[in-house]
Amino acid sequence: MRPEGFKTRIERPNKLWLASFLGMVPSTGSGGIDLLSEEIGIELKCRYLKYIQHNYACCEKEYQNFPNCYPQRELYWAFLLYGLNKEPREIEKSRVNLERYITERVVKFVPWDFVQPFPVSYPERSGPFRYVGQKHLPPEESFHLFEQGKTKLYVPKDSSLEEMIKERSERVVVRHQGNVKTVTFY
């Protein structure tokens, strides 16, 4: 499958997986925020682990409009890296379940205004965007790490998102690794 088409298709299983994991409702069309709960809204941006050097494109219109569209919700960006057991070009274009090719996920959540300091860019074919690189995300020490299998979620400490995830867990085991608090769900 061509990487451009693959990028569009792989977003759906990642969005559905994250919605299920967090107990949120995924949006059904384009133009709205990706995941919603009563208190929280999340806009998801995905990258293949091998393309980690590429920036996440945060749409300027979304950044400006979503707080007005969802005024009662706390908004976050979710920057997701995923691993695959095959290269995108090796995956058939047919109606295949892409979830079976995903081997791992790492998600870092940041508050909505995190992207504000990044300059607005106006690419020729689309945009405008604010580009956020993996290296610009906060250090791991500023997050609580939630793990389940080969999934890692880095959630801002003392946030409503952290509380929501804790409430969803039935049993939580906490261990400390340096300054990073790790929570494993069973």
C-alpha atoms as a PDB file:
ATOM      1  CA  MET A   1       0.000   0.000   0.000  1.00  0.00           C
ATOM      2  CA  ARG A   2       1.293   3.488  -0.767  1.00  0.00           C
ATOM      3  CA  PRO A   3       2.388   5.315   2.409  1.00  0.00           C
ATOM      4  CA  GLU A   4       0.024   8.259   1.746  1.00  0.00           C
ATOM      5  CA  GLY A   5      -3.031   5.987   1.566  1.00  0.00           C
ATOM      6  CA  PHE A   6      -1.796   3.873   4.425  1.00  0.00           C
ATOM      7  CA  LYS A   7      -1.480   6.888   6.727  1.00  0.00           C
ATOM      8  CA  THR A   8      -5.149   7.714   6.232  1.00  0.00           C
ATOM      9  CA  ARG A   9      -6.289   4.102   6.712  1.00  0.00           C
ATOM     10  CA  ILE A  10      -4.175   3.383   9.816  1.00  0.00           C
ATOM     11  CA  GLU A  11      -5.653   6.339  11.704  1.00  0.00           C
ATOM     12  CA  ARG A  12      -9.026   4.607  12.004  1.00  0.00           C
ATOM     13  CA  PRO A  13      -7.909   1.482  13.918  1.00  0.00           C
ATOM     14  CA  ASN A  14      -5.691   3.650  16.132  1.00  0.00           C
ATOM     15  CA  LYS A  15      -8.618   5.960  16.891  1.00  0.00           C
ATOM     16  CA  LEU A  16     -10.995   3.059  17.589  1.00  0.00           C
ATOM     17  CA  TRP A  17      -8.408   1.353  19.809  1.00  0.00           C
ATOM     18  CA  LEU A  18      -7.755   4.529  21.823  1.00  0.00           C
ATOM     19  CA  ALA A  19     -11.493   5.228  22.164  1.00  0.00           C
ATOM     20  CA  SER A  20     -12.053   1.720  23.490  1.00  0.00           C
ATOM     21  CA  PHE A  21      -9.044   1.863  25.817  1.00  0.00           C
ATOM     22  CA  LEU A  22     -10.175   5.191  27.315  1.00  0.00           C
ATOM     23  CA  GLY A  23     -13.910   4.479  27.241  1.00  0.00           C
ATOM     24  CA  MET A  24     -14.557   7.441  24.963  1.00  0.00           C
ATOM     25  CA  VAL A  25     -16.709   7.927  21.875  1.00  0.00           C
ATOM     26  CA  PRO A  26     -14.863   8.207  18.542  1.00  0.00           C
ATOM     27  CA  SER A  27     -16.078  10.785  16.048  1.00  0.00           C
ATOM     28  CA  THR A  28     -17.851   9.343  13.043  1.00  0.00           C
ATOM     29  CA  GLY A  29     -16.864  11.844  10.386  1.00  0.00           C
ATOM     30  CA  SER A  30     -14.404  14.560   9.558  1.00  0.00           C
ATOM     31  CA  GLY A  31     -14.364  18.042  10.974  1.00  0.00           C
ATOM     32  CA  GLY A  32     -14.834  17.157  14.646  1.00  0.00           C
ATOM     33  CA  ILE A  33     -12.521  16.256  17.462  1.00  0.00           C
ATOM     34  CA  ASP A  34     -11.497  12.571  17.368  1.00  0.00           C
ATOM     35  CA  LEU A  35     -12.574  11.332  20.837  1.00  0.00           C
ATOM     36  CA  LEU A  36     -15.143  12.628  23.314  1.00  0.00           C
ATOM     37  CA  SER A  37     -16.317  11.916  26.831  1.00  0.00           C
ATOM     38  CA  GLU A  38     -18.495  14.030  29.090  1.00  0.00           C
ATOM     39  CA  GLU A  39     -15.480  16.018  30.336  1.00  0.00           C
ATOM     40  CA  ILE A  40     -12.664  15.452  27.829  1.00  0.00           C
ATOM     41  CA  GLY A  41     -11.953  15.838  24.108  1.00  0.00           C
ATOM     42  CA  ILE A  42      -8.889  14.388  22.356  1.00  0.00           C
ATOM     43  CA  GLU A  43      -7.452  15.110  18.909  1.00  0.00           C
ATOM     44  CA  LEU A  44      -5.295  12.189  17.737  1.00  0.00           C
ATOM     45  CA  LYS A  45      -2.173  12.496  15.570  1.00  0.00           C
ATOM     46  CA  CYS A  46      -0.446   9.272  14.478  1.00  0.00           C
ATOM     47  CA  ARG A  47       3.059   8.421  13.255  1.00  0.00           C
ATOM     48  CA  TYR A  48       4.736   5.175  12.262  1.00  0.00           C
ATOM     49  CA  LEU A  49       7.667   4.476  14.634  1.00  0.00           C
ATOM     50  CA  LYS A  50      10.115   4.326  11.733  1.00  0.00           C
ATOM     51  CA  TYR A  51       9.073   7.867  10.751  1.00  0.00           C
ATOM     52  CA  ILE A  52       9.627   9.252  14.245  1.00  0.00           C
ATOM     53  CA  GLN A  53      11.735  12.097  12.836  1.00  0.00           C
ATOM     54  CA  HIS A  54       8.656  13.452  11.024  1.00  0.00           C
ATOM     55  CA  ASN A  55       6.610  16.128  12.743  1.00  0.00           C
ATOM     56  CA  TYR A  56       2.971  15.888  13.781  1.00  0.00           C
ATOM     57  CA  ALA A  57       0.838  18.358  11.795  1.00  0.00           C
ATOM     58  CA  CYS A  58      -1.644  20.087  14.119  1.00  0.00           C
ATOM     59  CA  CYS A  59      -4.290  21.863  12.096  1.00  0.00           C
ATOM     60  CA  GLU A  60      -4.470  25.545  12.998  1.00  0.00           C
ATOM     61  CA  LYS A  61      -8.222  25.661  12.326  1.00  0.00           C
ATOM     62  CA  GLU A  62      -8.760  22.798  14.786  1.00  0.00           C
ATOM     63  CA  TYR A  63      -6.559  24.511  17.343  1.00  0.00           C
ATOM     64  CA  GLN A  64      -8.569  27.725  17.061  1.00  0.00           C
ATOM     65  CA  ASN A  65     -12.088  26.256  16.644  1.00  0.00           C
ATOM     66  CA  PHE A  66     -12.313  23.196  18.883  1.00  0.00           C
ATOM     67  CA  PRO A  67     -12.255  25.117  22.190  1.00  0.00           C
ATOM     68  CA  ASN A  68     -15.329  27.027  20.965  1.00  0.00           C
ATOM     69  CA  CYS A  69     -17.017  23.838  19.706  1.00  0.00           C
ATOM     70  CA  TYR A  70     -16.402  21.951  22.965  1.00  0.00           C
ATOM     71  CA  PRO A  71     -16.354  24.654  25.657  1.00  0.00           C
ATOM     72  CA  GLN A  72     -17.293  22.341  28.547  1.00  0.00           C
ATOM     73  CA  ARG A  73     -14.511  19.867  27.869  1.00  0.00           C
ATOM     74  CA  GLU A  74     -10.839  19.767  28.733  1.00  0.00           C
ATOM     75  CA  LEU A  75      -9.004  19.288  25.424  1.00  0.00           C
ATOM     76  CA  TYR A  76      -5.826  17.317  24.709  1.00  0.00           C
ATOM     77  CA  TRP A  77      -3.638  16.385  21.777  1.00  0.00           C
ATOM     78  CA  ALA A  78      -2.676  12.695  21.621  1.00  0.00           C
ATOM     79  CA  PHE A  79       0.580  12.052  19.739  1.00  0.00           C
ATOM     80  CA  LEU A  80       0.650   8.341  18.947  1.00  0.00           C
ATOM     81  CA  LEU A  81       3.563   6.290  17.628  1.00  0.00           C
ATOM     82  CA  TYR A  82       2.762   2.796  16.376  1.00  0.00           C
ATOM     83  CA  GLY A  83       4.893  -0.168  15.350  1.00  0.00           C
ATOM     84  CA  LEU A  84       4.071  -2.629  12.576  1.00  0.00           C
ATOM     85  CA  ASN A  85       5.081  -6.208  11.860  1.00  0.00           C
ATOM     86  CA  LYS A  86       5.289  -5.342   8.118  1.00  0.00           C
ATOM     87  CA  GLU A  87       6.284  -2.241   6.207  1.00  0.00           C
ATOM     88  CA  PRO A  88       3.307  -0.176   4.943  1.00  0.00           C
ATOM     89  CA  ARG A  89       4.306  -0.953   1.328  1.00  0.00           C
ATOM     90  CA  GLU A  90       4.069  -4.704   2.065  1.00  0.00           C
ATOM     91  CA  ILE A  91       0.500  -4.538   3.376  1.00  0.00           C
ATOM     92  CA  GLU A  92      -2.134  -5.385   0.781  1.00  0.00           C
ATOM     93  CA  LYS A  93      -4.488  -2.602  -0.245  1.00  0.00           C
ATOM     94  CA  SER A  94      -7.545  -4.866  -0.017  1.00  0.00           C
ATOM     95  CA  ARG A  95     -10.025  -4.557   2.824  1.00  0.00           C
ATOM     96  CA  VAL A  96      -7.647  -5.838   5.433  1.00  0.00           C
ATOM     97  CA  ASN A  97      -7.904  -5.517   9.192  1.00  0.00           C
ATOM     98  CA  LEU A  98      -4.942  -3.220   9.849  1.00  0.00           C
ATOM     99  CA  GLU A  99      -5.159  -3.819  13.596  1.00  0.00           C
ATOM    100  CA  ARG A 100      -3.498  -7.211  13.138  1.00  0.00           C
ATOM    101  CA  TYR A 101      -0.347  -5.523  11.815  1.00  0.00           C
ATOM    102  CA  ILE A 102       0.050  -3.129  14.774  1.00  0.00           C
ATOM    103  CA  THR A 103       2.615  -4.417  17.263  1.00  0.00           C
ATOM    104  CA  GLU A 104       2.916  -1.573  19.762  1.00  0.00           C
ATOM    105  CA  ARG A 105       1.632   1.880  20.594  1.00  0.00           C
ATOM    106  CA  VAL A 106       3.097   4.776  22.535  1.00  0.00           C
ATOM    107  CA  VAL A 107       0.834   7.763  23.171  1.00  0.00           C
ATOM    108  CA  LYS A 108       1.803  11.076  24.731  1.00  0.00           C
ATOM    109  CA  PHE A 109      -1.028  13.376  25.736  1.00  0.00           C
ATOM    110  CA  VAL A 110      -0.472  17.112  26.103  1.00  0.00           C
ATOM    111  CA  PRO A 111      -2.872  19.909  27.028  1.00  0.00           C
ATOM    112  CA  TRP A 112      -4.533  21.738  24.136  1.00  0.00           C
ATOM    113  CA  ASP A 113      -2.498  24.927  24.433  1.00  0.00           C
ATOM    114  CA  PHE A 114       0.792  23.015  24.288  1.00  0.00           C
ATOM    115  CA  VAL A 115       0.971  23.707  20.527  1.00  0.00           C
ATOM    116  CA  GLN A 116       0.447  27.471  20.921  1.00  0.00           C
ATOM    117  CA  PRO A 117       4.183  28.425  20.907  1.00  0.00           C
ATOM    118  CA  PHE A 118       4.840  26.609  17.623  1.00  0.00           C
ATOM    119  CA  PRO A 119       4.734  28.863  14.553  1.00  0.00           C
ATOM    120  CA  VAL A 120       1.912  28.551  12.044  1.00  0.00           C
ATOM    121  CA  SER A 121       3.088  27.206   8.670  1.00  0.00           C
ATOM    122  CA  TYR A 122       1.285  27.570   5.383  1.00  0.00           C
ATOM    123  CA  PRO A 123       2.205  24.652   3.101  1.00  0.00           C
ATOM    124  CA  GLU A 124       1.236  24.931  -0.568  1.00  0.00           C
ATOM    125  CA  ARG A 125      -1.408  22.202  -0.726  1.00  0.00           C
ATOM    126  CA  SER A 126      -3.062  22.295   2.688  1.00  0.00           C
ATOM    127  CA  GLY A 127      -2.921  23.834   6.112  1.00  0.00           C
ATOM    128  CA  PRO A 128      -2.268  26.013   7.922  1.00  0.00           C
ATOM    129  CA  PHE A 129      -0.525  23.795  10.479  1.00  0.00           C
ATOM    130  CA  ARG A 130       1.568  23.978  13.622  1.00  0.00           C
ATOM    131  CA  TYR A 131       4.261  21.296  13.382  1.00  0.00           C
ATOM    132  CA  VAL A 132       5.275  19.513  16.595  1.00  0.00           C
ATOM    133  CA  GLY A 133       8.281  17.198  16.622  1.00  0.00           C
ATOM    134  CA  GLN A 134       8.702  14.244  18.943  1.00  0.00           C
ATOM    135  CA  LYS A 135      11.744  15.999  20.416  1.00  0.00           C
ATOM    136  CA  HIS A 136       9.542  18.955  21.412  1.00  0.00           C
ATOM    137  CA  LEU A 137       7.217  16.912  23.595  1.00  0.00           C
ATOM    138  CA  PRO A 138       7.651  17.267  27.361  1.00  0.00           C
ATOM    139  CA  PRO A 139      10.143  14.938  29.076  1.00  0.00           C
ATOM    140  CA  GLU A 140       8.869  11.637  30.437  1.00  0.00           C
ATOM    141  CA  GLU A 141       9.260  12.905  34.005  1.00  0.00           C
ATOM    142  CA  SER A 142       6.294  15.253  33.484  1.00  0.00           C
ATOM    143  CA  PHE A 143       3.944  12.324  32.792  1.00  0.00           C
ATOM    144  CA  HIS A 144       2.449   9.356  34.549  1.00  0.00           C
ATOM    145  CA  LEU A 145       3.062   6.230  32.520  1.00  0.00           C
ATOM    146  CA  PHE A 146       0.178   3.797  32.077  1.00  0.00           C
ATOM    147  CA  GLU A 147       1.112   0.428  30.537  1.00  0.00           C
ATOM    148  CA  GLN A 148      -0.828  -2.511  29.221  1.00  0.00           C
ATOM    149  CA  GLY A 149       1.072  -5.104  27.222  1.00  0.00           C
ATOM    150  CA  LYS A 150       2.966  -3.322  24.456  1.00  0.00           C
ATOM    151  CA  THR A 151       0.978  -0.141  24.980  1.00  0.00           C
ATOM    152  CA  LYS A 152       2.278   2.895  26.820  1.00  0.00           C
ATOM    153  CA  LEU A 153       0.271   6.002  27.589  1.00  0.00           C
ATOM    154  CA  TYR A 154       2.062   9.071  28.901  1.00  0.00           C
ATOM    155  CA  VAL A 155      -0.525  11.227  30.643  1.00  0.00           C
ATOM    156  CA  PRO A 156       0.063  14.666  32.210  1.00  0.00           C
ATOM    157  CA  LYS A 157       0.424  14.382  35.967  1.00  0.00           C
ATOM    158  CA  ASP A 158      -2.516  15.566  38.056  1.00  0.00           C
ATOM    159  CA  SER A 159      -4.776  15.978  35.008  1.00  0.00           C
ATOM    160  CA  SER A 160      -8.430  15.078  34.586  1.00  0.00           C
ATOM    161  CA  LEU A 161      -7.323  12.606  31.903  1.00  0.00           C
ATOM    162  CA  GLU A 162      -5.163  10.816  34.462  1.00  0.00           C
ATOM    163  CA  GLU A 163      -8.115  10.651  36.856  1.00  0.00           C
ATOM    164  CA  MET A 164     -10.377   9.283  34.123  1.00  0.00           C
ATOM    165  CA  ILE A 165      -7.910   6.480  33.333  1.00  0.00           C
ATOM    166  CA  LYS A 166      -7.478   5.610  37.005  1.00  0.00           C
ATOM    167  CA  GLU A 167     -11.257   5.430  37.452  1.00  0.00           C
ATOM    168  CA  ARG A 168     -11.504   2.985  34.530  1.00  0.00           C
ATOM    169  CA  SER A 169      -8.972   0.605  35.990  1.00  0.00           C
ATOM    170  CA  GLU A 170     -10.160  -2.116  38.310  1.00  0.00           C
ATOM    171  CA  ARG A 171      -6.812  -3.058  39.800  1.00  0.00           C
ATOM    172  CA  VAL A 172      -3.769  -0.855  39.598  1.00  0.00           C
ATOM    173  CA  VAL A 173      -0.200  -1.777  40.464  1.00  0.00           C
ATOM    174  CA  VAL A 174       2.176   1.163  40.911  1.00  0.00           C
ATOM    175  CA  ARG A 175       5.947   0.965  40.679  1.00  0.00           C
ATOM    176  CA  HIS A 176       8.448   3.785  40.488  1.00  0.00           C
ATOM    177  CA  GLN A 177      11.254   4.098  37.935  1.00  0.00           C
ATOM    178  CA  GLY A 178      13.197   7.231  38.732  1.00  0.00           C
ATOM    179  CA  ASN A 179      10.674  10.068  38.621  1.00  0.00           C
ATOM    180  CA  VAL A 180       8.244   8.254  36.316  1.00  0.00           C
ATOM    181  CA  LYS A 181       5.241   6.648  37.982  1.00  0.00           C
ATOM    182  CA  THR A 182       4.237   3.481  36.128  1.00  0.00           C
ATOM    183  CA  VAL A 183       0.756   2.044  36.398  1.00  0.00           C
ATOM    184  CA  THR A 184      -0.019  -1.366  34.965  1.00  0.00           C
ATOM    185  CA  PHE A 185      -3.629  -2.435  34.346  1.00  0.00           C
ATOM    186  CA  TYR A 186      -4.684  -6.060  34.816  1.00  0.00           C
END
